[in-house]
N, C-alpha and C. Protein backbone atom coordinates (compact mmCIF):
# COMPACT_ATOMS: atom_id res chain seq x y z
N MET A 1 59.36 45.33 81.72
CA MET A 1 58.13 45.88 82.21
C MET A 1 58.34 47.13 83.04
N THR A 2 59.41 47.19 83.73
CA THR A 2 59.67 48.37 84.57
C THR A 2 59.91 49.61 83.72
N ILE A 3 60.37 49.44 82.51
CA ILE A 3 60.60 50.59 81.63
C ILE A 3 59.28 51.11 81.07
N LEU A 4 58.34 50.23 80.78
CA LEU A 4 57.08 50.65 80.17
C LEU A 4 56.16 51.36 81.15
N ARG A 5 56.24 51.03 82.41
CA ARG A 5 55.32 51.64 83.38
C ARG A 5 55.50 53.16 83.49
N PRO A 6 56.70 53.72 83.64
CA PRO A 6 56.82 55.18 83.70
C PRO A 6 56.35 55.86 82.41
N ILE A 7 56.58 55.23 81.27
CA ILE A 7 56.13 55.81 80.00
C ILE A 7 54.60 55.85 79.97
N ARG A 8 53.97 54.77 80.40
CA ARG A 8 52.52 54.71 80.42
C ARG A 8 51.95 55.77 81.36
N LEU A 9 52.56 55.95 82.52
CA LEU A 9 52.12 56.97 83.46
C LEU A 9 52.27 58.37 82.88
N ARG A 10 53.38 58.62 82.20
CA ARG A 10 53.59 59.94 81.60
C ARG A 10 52.56 60.21 80.52
N LEU A 11 52.25 59.21 79.70
CA LEU A 11 51.25 59.39 78.66
C LEU A 11 49.87 59.65 79.26
N THR A 12 49.52 58.91 80.29
CA THR A 12 48.23 59.09 80.94
C THR A 12 48.14 60.49 81.55
N PHE A 13 49.18 60.89 82.24
CA PHE A 13 49.18 62.23 82.84
C PHE A 13 49.12 63.31 81.76
N GLY A 14 49.82 63.10 80.66
CA GLY A 14 49.82 64.07 79.57
C GLY A 14 48.45 64.23 78.95
N ILE A 15 47.75 63.13 78.73
CA ILE A 15 46.41 63.18 78.16
C ILE A 15 45.46 63.86 79.12
N ARG A 16 45.55 63.52 80.40
CA ARG A 16 44.68 64.15 81.40
C ARG A 16 44.96 65.63 81.51
N SER A 17 46.21 66.02 81.46
CA SER A 17 46.56 67.44 81.53
C SER A 17 46.02 68.19 80.32
N TRP A 18 46.17 67.58 79.15
CA TRP A 18 45.68 68.22 77.93
C TRP A 18 44.15 68.36 77.97
N PHE A 19 43.46 67.33 78.46
CA PHE A 19 42.01 67.41 78.58
C PHE A 19 41.61 68.52 79.55
N LEU A 20 42.28 68.61 80.68
CA LEU A 20 41.98 69.65 81.66
C LEU A 20 42.25 71.03 81.08
N PHE A 21 43.35 71.17 80.36
CA PHE A 21 43.68 72.45 79.74
C PHE A 21 42.62 72.87 78.73
N THR A 22 42.22 71.96 77.86
CA THR A 22 41.21 72.31 76.86
C THR A 22 39.86 72.59 77.50
N LEU A 23 39.54 71.89 78.57
CA LEU A 23 38.30 72.15 79.29
C LEU A 23 38.31 73.55 79.89
N LEU A 24 39.42 73.93 80.52
CA LEU A 24 39.52 75.26 81.11
C LEU A 24 39.46 76.36 80.04
N VAL A 25 40.09 76.13 78.91
CA VAL A 25 40.04 77.10 77.81
C VAL A 25 38.61 77.24 77.31
N ALA A 26 37.91 76.12 77.15
CA ALA A 26 36.53 76.17 76.67
C ALA A 26 35.62 76.91 77.64
N VAL A 27 35.80 76.66 78.93
CA VAL A 27 35.00 77.36 79.94
C VAL A 27 35.32 78.86 79.93
N GLY A 28 36.59 79.18 79.80
CA GLY A 28 36.97 80.59 79.74
C GLY A 28 36.39 81.31 78.53
N LEU A 29 36.43 80.65 77.39
CA LEU A 29 35.86 81.26 76.18
C LEU A 29 34.34 81.41 76.29
N ALA A 30 33.68 80.42 76.84
CA ALA A 30 32.22 80.51 77.01
C ALA A 30 31.86 81.65 77.97
N THR A 31 32.64 81.80 79.02
CA THR A 31 32.39 82.89 79.97
C THR A 31 32.61 84.24 79.31
N TRP A 32 33.67 84.35 78.53
CA TRP A 32 33.95 85.61 77.85
C TRP A 32 32.86 85.94 76.84
N ARG A 33 32.39 84.94 76.08
CA ARG A 33 31.31 85.18 75.12
C ARG A 33 30.03 85.60 75.82
N ALA A 34 29.74 85.00 76.96
CA ALA A 34 28.54 85.36 77.71
C ALA A 34 28.61 86.80 78.20
N TYR A 35 29.82 87.27 78.49
CA TYR A 35 30.00 88.65 78.93
C TYR A 35 30.03 89.60 77.75
N GLU A 36 30.70 89.18 76.67
CA GLU A 36 30.95 90.07 75.54
C GLU A 36 29.72 90.27 74.65
N THR A 37 28.90 89.27 74.46
CA THR A 37 27.79 89.34 73.52
C THR A 37 26.79 90.44 73.86
N PRO A 38 26.30 90.55 75.09
CA PRO A 38 25.34 91.64 75.37
C PRO A 38 25.95 93.03 75.16
N ALA A 39 27.22 93.19 75.48
CA ALA A 39 27.87 94.48 75.28
C ALA A 39 27.99 94.80 73.80
N ALA A 40 28.32 93.80 72.99
CA ALA A 40 28.43 94.01 71.55
C ALA A 40 27.07 94.36 70.95
N ILE A 41 26.03 93.69 71.39
CA ILE A 41 24.68 93.99 70.89
C ILE A 41 24.26 95.40 71.31
N ALA A 42 24.60 95.79 72.52
CA ALA A 42 24.26 97.14 72.97
C ALA A 42 24.98 98.19 72.12
N ASN A 43 26.23 97.94 71.77
CA ASN A 43 26.96 98.87 70.91
C ASN A 43 26.36 98.93 69.51
N LEU A 44 25.95 97.78 68.99
CA LEU A 44 25.30 97.77 67.67
C LEU A 44 23.98 98.51 67.70
N ARG A 45 23.24 98.40 68.80
CA ARG A 45 21.97 99.13 68.91
C ARG A 45 22.21 100.63 68.96
N LEU A 46 23.26 101.05 69.67
CA LEU A 46 23.59 102.48 69.68
C LEU A 46 23.95 102.97 68.29
N ALA A 47 24.70 102.19 67.54
CA ALA A 47 25.05 102.57 66.17
C ALA A 47 23.81 102.63 65.29
N ARG A 48 22.90 101.69 65.47
CA ARG A 48 21.65 101.70 64.71
C ARG A 48 20.81 102.93 65.02
N ASP A 49 20.69 103.27 66.30
CA ASP A 49 19.91 104.44 66.69
C ASP A 49 20.53 105.72 66.16
N SER A 50 21.85 105.78 66.17
CA SER A 50 22.55 106.94 65.63
C SER A 50 22.32 107.06 64.12
N ALA A 51 22.38 105.92 63.43
CA ALA A 51 22.15 105.93 61.98
C ALA A 51 20.72 106.35 61.67
N LEU A 52 19.77 105.94 62.50
CA LEU A 52 18.38 106.34 62.29
C LEU A 52 18.20 107.84 62.46
N SER A 53 18.81 108.40 63.50
CA SER A 53 18.68 109.85 63.71
C SER A 53 19.38 110.62 62.58
N ASP A 54 20.50 110.10 62.09
CA ASP A 54 21.17 110.74 60.95
C ASP A 54 20.28 110.70 59.71
N TRP A 55 19.67 109.55 59.47
CA TRP A 55 18.80 109.41 58.30
C TRP A 55 17.62 110.38 58.39
N ARG A 56 17.01 110.48 59.57
CA ARG A 56 15.88 111.41 59.74
C ARG A 56 16.32 112.86 59.50
N ARG A 57 17.51 113.20 60.01
CA ARG A 57 18.01 114.57 59.81
C ARG A 57 18.27 114.86 58.34
N VAL A 58 18.91 113.92 57.66
CA VAL A 58 19.20 114.09 56.24
C VAL A 58 17.91 114.12 55.43
N LYS A 59 16.93 113.30 55.82
CA LYS A 59 15.63 113.27 55.12
C LYS A 59 14.91 114.60 55.26
N ARG A 60 14.93 115.18 56.46
CA ARG A 60 14.29 116.50 56.65
C ARG A 60 14.97 117.55 55.78
N THR A 61 16.28 117.50 55.72
CA THR A 61 17.03 118.44 54.89
C THR A 61 16.68 118.25 53.42
N TYR A 62 16.60 117.00 53.00
CA TYR A 62 16.27 116.71 51.60
C TYR A 62 14.84 117.14 51.27
N ASP A 63 13.90 116.88 52.19
CA ASP A 63 12.51 117.28 51.97
C ASP A 63 12.35 118.79 51.92
N ALA A 64 13.24 119.50 52.61
CA ALA A 64 13.20 120.96 52.59
C ALA A 64 13.83 121.52 51.32
N GLY A 65 14.40 120.65 50.49
CA GLY A 65 14.99 121.09 49.23
C GLY A 65 16.43 121.51 49.33
N LYS A 66 17.09 121.21 50.45
CA LYS A 66 18.48 121.65 50.64
C LYS A 66 19.49 120.52 50.44
N GLY A 67 19.06 119.27 50.54
CA GLY A 67 19.99 118.16 50.42
C GLY A 67 19.84 117.47 49.07
N THR A 68 20.68 116.47 48.86
CA THR A 68 20.63 115.70 47.62
C THR A 68 20.03 114.32 47.87
N ALA A 69 19.54 113.73 46.80
CA ALA A 69 18.97 112.39 46.90
C ALA A 69 20.05 111.37 47.25
N ALA A 70 21.25 111.60 46.78
CA ALA A 70 22.36 110.68 47.07
C ALA A 70 22.67 110.67 48.57
N ASP A 71 22.65 111.83 49.21
CA ASP A 71 22.91 111.90 50.65
C ASP A 71 21.83 111.15 51.43
N GLU A 72 20.58 111.34 51.00
CA GLU A 72 19.46 110.67 51.68
C GLU A 72 19.57 109.16 51.49
N ALA A 73 19.91 108.73 50.28
CA ALA A 73 20.03 107.30 50.01
C ALA A 73 21.19 106.68 50.81
N GLU A 74 22.27 107.41 50.93
CA GLU A 74 23.41 106.91 51.69
C GLU A 74 23.07 106.76 53.17
N ALA A 75 22.38 107.74 53.72
CA ALA A 75 21.99 107.68 55.13
C ALA A 75 20.99 106.55 55.37
N ARG A 76 20.07 106.36 54.44
CA ARG A 76 19.08 105.29 54.55
C ARG A 76 19.78 103.92 54.50
N GLU A 77 20.73 103.77 53.58
CA GLU A 77 21.46 102.51 53.45
C GLU A 77 22.26 102.22 54.72
N LYS A 78 22.87 103.24 55.28
CA LYS A 78 23.63 103.07 56.52
C LYS A 78 22.72 102.58 57.65
N TYR A 79 21.52 103.16 57.73
CA TYR A 79 20.58 102.73 58.76
C TYR A 79 20.18 101.27 58.58
N PHE A 80 19.82 100.89 57.36
CA PHE A 80 19.36 99.52 57.14
C PHE A 80 20.47 98.50 57.34
N LYS A 81 21.70 98.86 57.01
CA LYS A 81 22.83 97.97 57.28
C LYS A 81 23.04 97.79 58.78
N SER A 82 22.94 98.87 59.53
CA SER A 82 23.14 98.76 60.98
C SER A 82 21.98 98.00 61.62
N ARG A 83 20.78 98.16 61.09
CA ARG A 83 19.64 97.40 61.61
C ARG A 83 19.81 95.91 61.35
N ALA A 84 20.29 95.57 60.16
CA ALA A 84 20.54 94.17 59.83
C ALA A 84 21.64 93.58 60.73
N ALA A 85 22.65 94.38 61.05
CA ALA A 85 23.72 93.90 61.92
C ALA A 85 23.19 93.58 63.31
N VAL A 86 22.30 94.42 63.82
CA VAL A 86 21.70 94.15 65.14
C VAL A 86 20.89 92.87 65.10
N GLU A 87 20.06 92.72 64.07
CA GLU A 87 19.22 91.52 63.97
C GLU A 87 20.07 90.26 63.85
N GLN A 88 21.15 90.33 63.08
CA GLN A 88 22.02 89.17 62.91
C GLN A 88 22.73 88.83 64.23
N ALA A 89 23.17 89.86 64.95
CA ALA A 89 23.84 89.61 66.23
C ALA A 89 22.89 88.97 67.24
N ILE A 90 21.66 89.39 67.23
CA ILE A 90 20.67 88.80 68.16
C ILE A 90 20.38 87.36 67.78
N GLU A 91 20.26 87.08 66.48
CA GLU A 91 19.99 85.72 66.03
C GLU A 91 21.15 84.77 66.37
N THR A 92 22.37 85.22 66.16
CA THR A 92 23.51 84.34 66.41
C THR A 92 23.80 84.16 67.89
N SER A 93 23.36 85.08 68.72
CA SER A 93 23.63 84.95 70.16
C SER A 93 22.63 84.02 70.84
N SER A 94 21.50 83.77 70.21
CA SER A 94 20.49 82.91 70.83
C SER A 94 20.83 81.46 70.69
């Protein structure tokens, strides 16, 4: 019996240590996500706004007869992709 008691104590301490470690990691990750998510969404919004201004500029050029339809379509696609990325980031963060 004297041999089993130290083994049992080591196992109990090991399980408790592992639980504490995983708890601290989970809290750290949750804190980091809470900090990181708004910054990531803000960056995506800046990219979306930039894509919108690019699309408007390319559209004006195309309407004036100086640009190509392919350039306008590419700028439009870039805007809609960036808009979808913002919407998806907002949905997944809630």
